[in-house]
């Protein structure tokens, strides 16, 4: 196996790890939000991730963390973007099931591709890649299903919140790539600033100290913070640097597979044949969007 092939296999393996961690996040949030309010839940996720990352990246890996102070504006911007995304998921899941929320992750790679090719010109635009985005959008439409958005205004609002959250997340990925920080330092700094920002919001608008979560919610929150947030985002930032932001954003096409499976086992969500067909379309779209990407000539 050539060095290039080994690198590709590694990138795909890391991508699947991220998808598994983030896919399981959606049903876990559904469980946790029964006892923890959205801002507080986002703050706790970021706090747990920050504690682990500061220990591993700063003490074990001995990475220089001084950019967290010297480049505070960039990290604060990343923190605001990711913080908004953290809050969007539990807010949306108060109105829509976790499987539907996760299926909308397809918005991430589509938004990232359009911005990276048409606005930033980081990668080459081709009509076949655009066609892949259109096919993936069709898959998203089948995932959501008209019958699911006819239940009332509340569900439409949930879909709208989730849509905005994923577009913001696409901007977060692109901005993280543009900053060109060490990927592990970038993850650590972002989580620290997300924690600070959401802590201010949570203690202003909610009452975190008054919450009394049970053991199940505490365990779920620990898993979300350490694995689905800290570990997943560290690997994601590494993948952005090593494989490119468009490839890394492709996770949005695969997360639903893991989320649907996790939702089925954890919260009893059903899986329809329409979702399976829609998943097939999004996978075809993912392949077309990422087929033989070529960098734009300087």
Protein backbone atom coordinates (compact mmCIF):
# COMPACT_ATOMS: atom_id res chain seq x y z
CA UNK A 1 0.00 0.00 0.00
CA UNK A 2 1.42 3.39 -1.01
CA UNK A 3 1.92 6.27 1.40
CA UNK A 4 -0.96 8.10 -0.27
CA UNK A 5 -3.25 5.10 0.14
CA UNK A 6 -2.30 4.77 3.81
CA UNK A 7 -3.03 8.47 4.31
CA UNK A 8 -6.44 8.09 2.66
CA UNK A 9 -7.31 5.10 4.83
CA UNK A 10 -6.28 7.04 7.94
CA UNK A 11 -8.38 10.04 6.92
CA UNK A 12 -11.44 7.85 6.28
CA UNK A 13 -10.95 6.06 9.62
CA UNK A 14 -10.72 9.38 11.45
CA UNK A 15 -13.79 10.65 9.61
CA UNK A 16 -15.77 7.60 10.71
CA UNK A 17 -14.60 8.12 14.30
CA UNK A 18 -15.90 11.70 14.23
CA UNK A 19 -19.20 10.55 12.72
CA UNK A 20 -19.66 7.89 15.39
CA UNK A 21 -18.95 10.36 18.20
CA UNK A 22 -21.12 13.15 16.78
CA UNK A 23 -23.84 10.82 15.55
CA UNK A 24 -24.36 9.48 19.04
CA UNK A 25 -24.52 13.05 20.31
CA UNK A 26 -28.06 13.71 19.04
CA UNK A 27 -29.93 11.07 21.08
CA UNK A 28 -27.69 11.78 24.07
CA UNK A 29 -28.71 15.45 23.95
CA UNK A 30 -32.35 14.36 23.83
CA UNK A 31 -31.80 12.43 27.06
CA UNK A 32 -29.80 15.18 28.79
CA UNK A 33 -32.17 18.03 27.93
CA UNK A 34 -34.85 16.38 30.06
CA UNK A 35 -32.98 17.69 33.12
CA UNK A 36 -30.55 20.31 31.79
CA UNK A 37 -31.45 23.54 29.97
CA UNK A 38 -29.84 24.29 26.54
CA UNK A 39 -27.30 26.98 27.53
CA UNK A 40 -26.21 25.06 30.61
CA UNK A 41 -25.89 21.84 28.63
CA UNK A 42 -23.68 23.55 26.05
CA UNK A 43 -21.58 25.10 28.83
CA UNK A 44 -21.08 21.72 30.54
CA UNK A 45 -20.09 20.03 27.26
CA UNK A 46 -17.50 22.71 26.56
CA UNK A 47 -16.25 22.76 30.17
CA UNK A 48 -15.64 19.01 30.26
CA UNK A 49 -13.97 19.11 26.84
CA UNK A 50 -11.79 22.05 27.92
CA UNK A 51 -10.60 20.32 31.08
CA UNK A 52 -9.58 17.18 29.19
CA UNK A 53 -7.97 19.09 26.32
CA UNK A 54 -6.01 21.44 28.59
CA UNK A 55 -4.61 18.42 30.43
CA UNK A 56 -3.79 16.37 27.32
CA UNK A 57 -2.67 19.12 24.93
CA UNK A 58 -0.93 21.33 27.48
CA UNK A 59 0.55 18.81 29.93
CA UNK A 60 0.90 15.55 27.98
CA UNK A 61 1.53 16.80 24.44
CA UNK A 62 3.43 19.90 25.68
CA UNK A 63 1.89 22.16 23.03
CA UNK A 64 2.30 25.92 23.33
CA UNK A 65 -1.01 27.34 24.54
CA UNK A 66 0.04 31.01 24.60
CA UNK A 67 -1.95 31.72 21.37
CA UNK A 68 -5.09 31.34 23.50
CA UNK A 69 -4.19 34.76 24.92
CA UNK A 70 -2.17 36.38 22.13
CA UNK A 71 -4.74 35.39 19.47
CA UNK A 72 -7.79 35.79 21.67
CA UNK A 73 -9.88 37.55 19.01
CA UNK A 74 -9.66 34.58 16.64
CA UNK A 75 -10.44 32.10 19.41
CA UNK A 76 -13.31 34.24 20.69
CA UNK A 77 -14.79 34.28 17.17
CA UNK A 78 -14.46 30.50 16.93
CA UNK A 79 -16.02 30.26 20.37
CA UNK A 80 -19.02 32.37 19.40
CA UNK A 81 -19.65 30.33 16.24
CA UNK A 82 -19.33 26.96 17.98
CA UNK A 83 -21.28 28.18 21.00
CA UNK A 84 -24.23 29.14 18.80
CA UNK A 85 -24.11 25.68 17.24
CA UNK A 86 -23.98 23.99 20.66
CA UNK A 87 -27.13 25.84 21.72
CA UNK A 88 -28.96 25.29 18.41
CA UNK A 89 -29.06 21.49 18.74
CA UNK A 90 -30.88 21.21 22.11
CA UNK A 91 -33.14 24.14 21.17
CA UNK A 92 -34.12 22.37 17.95
CA UNK A 93 -34.51 18.97 19.62
CA UNK A 94 -37.15 20.45 21.91
CA UNK A 95 -39.28 20.58 18.74
CA UNK A 96 -37.98 17.79 16.47
CA UNK A 97 -36.72 14.22 17.11
CA UNK A 98 -32.93 13.59 17.23
CA UNK A 99 -33.01 11.52 14.04
CA UNK A 100 -34.47 14.42 12.08
CA UNK A 101 -31.97 16.86 13.61
CA UNK A 102 -29.05 14.61 12.68
CA UNK A 103 -30.31 14.07 9.14
CA UNK A 104 -29.97 17.80 8.56
CA UNK A 105 -26.19 17.55 9.05
CA UNK A 106 -26.06 17.22 5.26
CA UNK A 107 -26.34 21.00 5.26
CA UNK A 108 -22.76 21.20 6.61
CA UNK A 109 -20.87 19.78 3.60
CA UNK A 110 -23.17 21.48 1.09
CA UNK A 111 -22.70 24.90 2.72
CA UNK A 112 -18.97 24.34 3.15
CA UNK A 113 -18.55 23.30 -0.50
CA UNK A 114 -20.47 26.29 -1.84
CA UNK A 115 -18.59 28.80 0.31
CA UNK A 116 -15.16 27.21 -0.26
CA UNK A 117 -15.55 27.00 -4.05
CA UNK A 118 -17.73 29.96 -5.04
CA UNK A 119 -16.73 32.58 -2.44
CA UNK A 120 -13.31 31.69 -1.02
CA UNK A 121 -12.05 29.87 -4.16
CA UNK A 122 -10.10 27.41 -2.03
CA UNK A 123 -11.05 24.47 -4.25
CA UNK A 124 -12.01 24.00 -7.87
CA UNK A 125 -15.68 24.27 -8.76
CA UNK A 126 -17.11 21.76 -11.25
CA UNK A 127 -20.66 21.09 -12.33
CA UNK A 128 -20.32 17.43 -11.34
CA UNK A 129 -19.52 18.52 -7.78
CA UNK A 130 -22.43 20.95 -7.87
CA UNK A 131 -24.61 18.09 -9.10
CA UNK A 132 -23.46 16.07 -6.11
CA UNK A 133 -24.64 18.87 -3.84
CA UNK A 134 -28.04 18.93 -5.57
CA UNK A 135 -28.39 15.14 -5.21
CA UNK A 136 -27.45 15.39 -1.55
CA UNK A 137 -30.04 18.13 -1.06
CA UNK A 138 -32.64 15.81 -2.59
CA UNK A 139 -31.57 13.20 -0.06
CA UNK A 140 -32.00 15.71 2.76
CA UNK A 141 -35.52 16.50 1.50
CA UNK A 142 -36.38 12.80 1.55
CA UNK A 143 -34.88 12.50 5.03
CA UNK A 144 -37.04 15.32 6.37
CA UNK A 145 -40.18 14.26 4.47
CA UNK A 146 -43.13 16.58 3.88
CA UNK A 147 -45.27 14.52 6.24
CA UNK A 148 -42.88 15.41 9.07
CA UNK A 149 -43.13 19.17 8.65
CA UNK A 150 -46.91 19.28 8.39
CA UNK A 151 -47.42 18.71 12.11
CA UNK A 152 -47.29 22.38 13.01
CA UNK A 153 -45.34 25.58 13.39
CA UNK A 154 -43.21 24.23 16.26
CA UNK A 155 -41.55 21.58 14.11
CA UNK A 156 -40.93 24.06 11.31
CA UNK A 157 -39.24 26.34 13.83
CA UNK A 158 -37.09 23.42 15.00
CA UNK A 159 -36.02 22.68 11.41
CA UNK A 160 -35.22 26.37 10.91
CA UNK A 161 -33.11 26.52 14.07
CA UNK A 162 -31.23 23.38 13.05
CA UNK A 163 -30.67 24.72 9.53
CA UNK A 164 -29.19 27.98 10.87
CA UNK A 165 -27.07 26.04 13.35
CA UNK A 166 -25.51 23.88 10.65
CA UNK A 167 -24.80 26.84 8.37
CA UNK A 168 -23.06 28.54 11.30
CA UNK A 169 -21.11 25.32 11.85
CA UNK A 170 -19.96 25.33 8.22
CA UNK A 171 -18.67 28.88 8.71
CA UNK A 172 -16.92 27.69 11.88
CA UNK A 173 -15.09 24.96 9.92
CA UNK A 174 -13.96 27.39 7.25
CA UNK A 175 -12.82 30.00 9.75
CA UNK A 176 -10.93 27.34 11.73
CA UNK A 177 -9.10 26.38 8.53
CA UNK A 178 -8.31 30.00 7.69
CA UNK A 179 -6.76 30.61 11.14
CA UNK A 180 -4.10 27.93 10.49
CA UNK A 181 -3.56 27.14 14.15
CA UNK A 182 -2.12 23.89 15.43
CA UNK A 183 -5.25 21.69 15.28
CA UNK A 184 -5.03 20.56 18.89
CA UNK A 185 -4.35 24.08 20.17
CA UNK A 186 -7.25 25.31 18.03
CA UNK A 187 -9.60 22.78 19.60
CA UNK A 188 -8.45 23.60 23.13
CA UNK A 189 -8.71 27.35 22.66
CA UNK A 190 -12.12 27.13 21.03
CA UNK A 191 -13.53 25.02 23.86
CA UNK A 192 -12.14 27.36 26.51
CA UNK A 193 -13.81 30.37 24.91
CA UNK A 194 -17.06 28.46 24.29
CA UNK A 195 -17.10 27.61 28.00
CA UNK A 196 -16.59 31.25 29.03
CA UNK A 197 -19.20 32.62 26.63
CA UNK A 198 -21.87 30.03 27.44
CA UNK A 199 -21.17 30.35 31.17
CA UNK A 200 -22.00 34.06 31.02
CA UNK A 201 -25.15 33.33 29.01
CA UNK A 202 -26.23 30.39 31.19
CA UNK A 203 -25.82 32.19 34.52
CA UNK A 204 -27.56 35.25 33.10
CA UNK A 205 -30.55 33.57 31.45
CA UNK A 206 -30.84 30.23 33.25
CA UNK A 207 -30.18 28.80 36.72
CA UNK A 208 -27.47 26.13 36.35
CA UNK A 209 -26.94 25.69 40.09
CA UNK A 210 -30.61 24.91 40.62
CA UNK A 211 -30.59 21.90 38.30
CA UNK A 212 -30.71 18.41 39.83
CA UNK A 213 -29.84 15.89 37.07
CA UNK A 214 -30.06 12.17 37.84
CA UNK A 215 -27.20 9.69 37.45
CA UNK A 216 -28.17 8.81 33.87
CA UNK A 217 -28.08 12.45 32.77
CA UNK A 218 -24.74 13.00 34.54
CA UNK A 219 -23.24 9.98 32.75
CA UNK A 220 -24.64 11.10 29.40
CA UNK A 221 -23.23 14.61 29.92
CA UNK A 222 -19.78 13.20 30.74
CA UNK A 223 -19.78 11.10 27.55
CA UNK A 224 -20.88 14.09 25.47
CA UNK A 225 -18.25 16.39 26.93
CA UNK A 226 -15.24 14.06 26.89
CA UNK A 227 -15.79 11.90 23.81
CA UNK A 228 -18.44 13.46 21.55
CA UNK A 229 -17.01 16.96 22.04
CA UNK A 230 -13.39 16.99 23.26
CA UNK A 231 -12.02 13.96 21.40
CA UNK A 232 -14.22 14.43 18.33
CA UNK A 233 -13.30 18.10 17.80
CA UNK A 234 -9.59 17.45 18.31
CA UNK A 235 -9.68 14.82 15.55
CA UNK A 236 -11.85 17.09 13.40
CA UNK A 237 -9.38 19.98 13.53
CA UNK A 238 -6.55 17.58 12.69
CA UNK A 239 -8.55 16.32 9.72
CA UNK A 240 -9.26 19.87 8.50
CA UNK A 241 -5.52 20.58 8.39
CA UNK A 242 -4.40 17.23 6.95
CA UNK A 243 -7.21 16.39 4.51
CA UNK A 244 -8.92 19.71 3.77
CA UNK A 245 -12.04 21.40 5.03
CA UNK A 246 -14.35 20.08 2.27
CA UNK A 247 -13.33 16.48 2.99
CA UNK A 248 -13.71 16.99 6.74
CA UNK A 249 -17.17 18.52 6.26
CA UNK A 250 -18.25 15.33 4.47
CA UNK A 251 -18.93 13.98 7.96
CA UNK A 252 -22.31 15.66 7.58
CA UNK A 253 -23.33 12.98 5.09
CA UNK A 254 -22.35 10.07 7.35
CA UNK A 255 -23.36 11.29 10.80
CA UNK A 256 -27.05 10.41 10.16
CA UNK A 257 -26.22 6.71 9.79
CA UNK A 258 -24.69 6.63 13.25
CA UNK A 259 -27.32 8.95 14.73
CA UNK A 260 -30.23 6.90 13.40
CA UNK A 261 -28.71 3.71 14.79
CA UNK A 262 -28.03 5.36 18.16
CA UNK A 263 -31.52 6.91 18.26
CA UNK A 264 -33.05 3.53 17.48
CA UNK A 265 -31.30 1.87 20.42
CA UNK A 266 -31.35 4.75 22.92
CA UNK A 267 -34.67 6.55 22.43
CA UNK A 268 -36.67 4.17 20.24
CA UNK A 269 -36.85 6.24 17.04
CA UNK A 270 -38.06 4.32 14.00
CA UNK A 271 -36.33 4.09 10.62
CA UNK A 272 -38.42 4.39 7.45
CA UNK A 273 -37.67 3.18 3.93
CA UNK A 274 -37.78 6.80 2.75
CA UNK A 275 -34.91 7.64 5.08
CA UNK A 276 -32.90 4.74 3.69
CA UNK A 277 -33.43 5.95 0.10
CA UNK A 278 -32.57 9.49 1.14
CA UNK A 279 -29.40 8.22 2.80
CA UNK A 280 -28.41 6.52 -0.45
CA UNK A 281 -28.84 9.78 -2.35
CA UNK A 282 -26.74 11.74 0.13
CA UNK A 283 -23.95 9.16 -0.09
CA UNK A 284 -23.94 9.49 -3.88
CA UNK A 285 -23.83 13.25 -3.45
CA UNK A 286 -20.92 12.96 -1.02
CA UNK A 287 -18.95 10.89 -3.53
CA UNK A 288 -19.57 13.38 -6.34
CA UNK A 289 -18.68 16.42 -4.25
CA UNK A 290 -15.37 14.88 -3.13
CA UNK A 291 -14.46 13.05 -6.35
CA UNK A 292 -10.90 13.90 -7.35
CA UNK A 293 -10.77 17.35 -5.75
CA UNK A 294 -8.18 19.64 -7.29
CA UNK A 295 -6.71 22.74 -5.67
CA UNK A 296 -7.22 26.03 -7.42
CA UNK A 297 -4.08 27.17 -9.26
CA UNK A 298 -2.48 30.24 -7.77
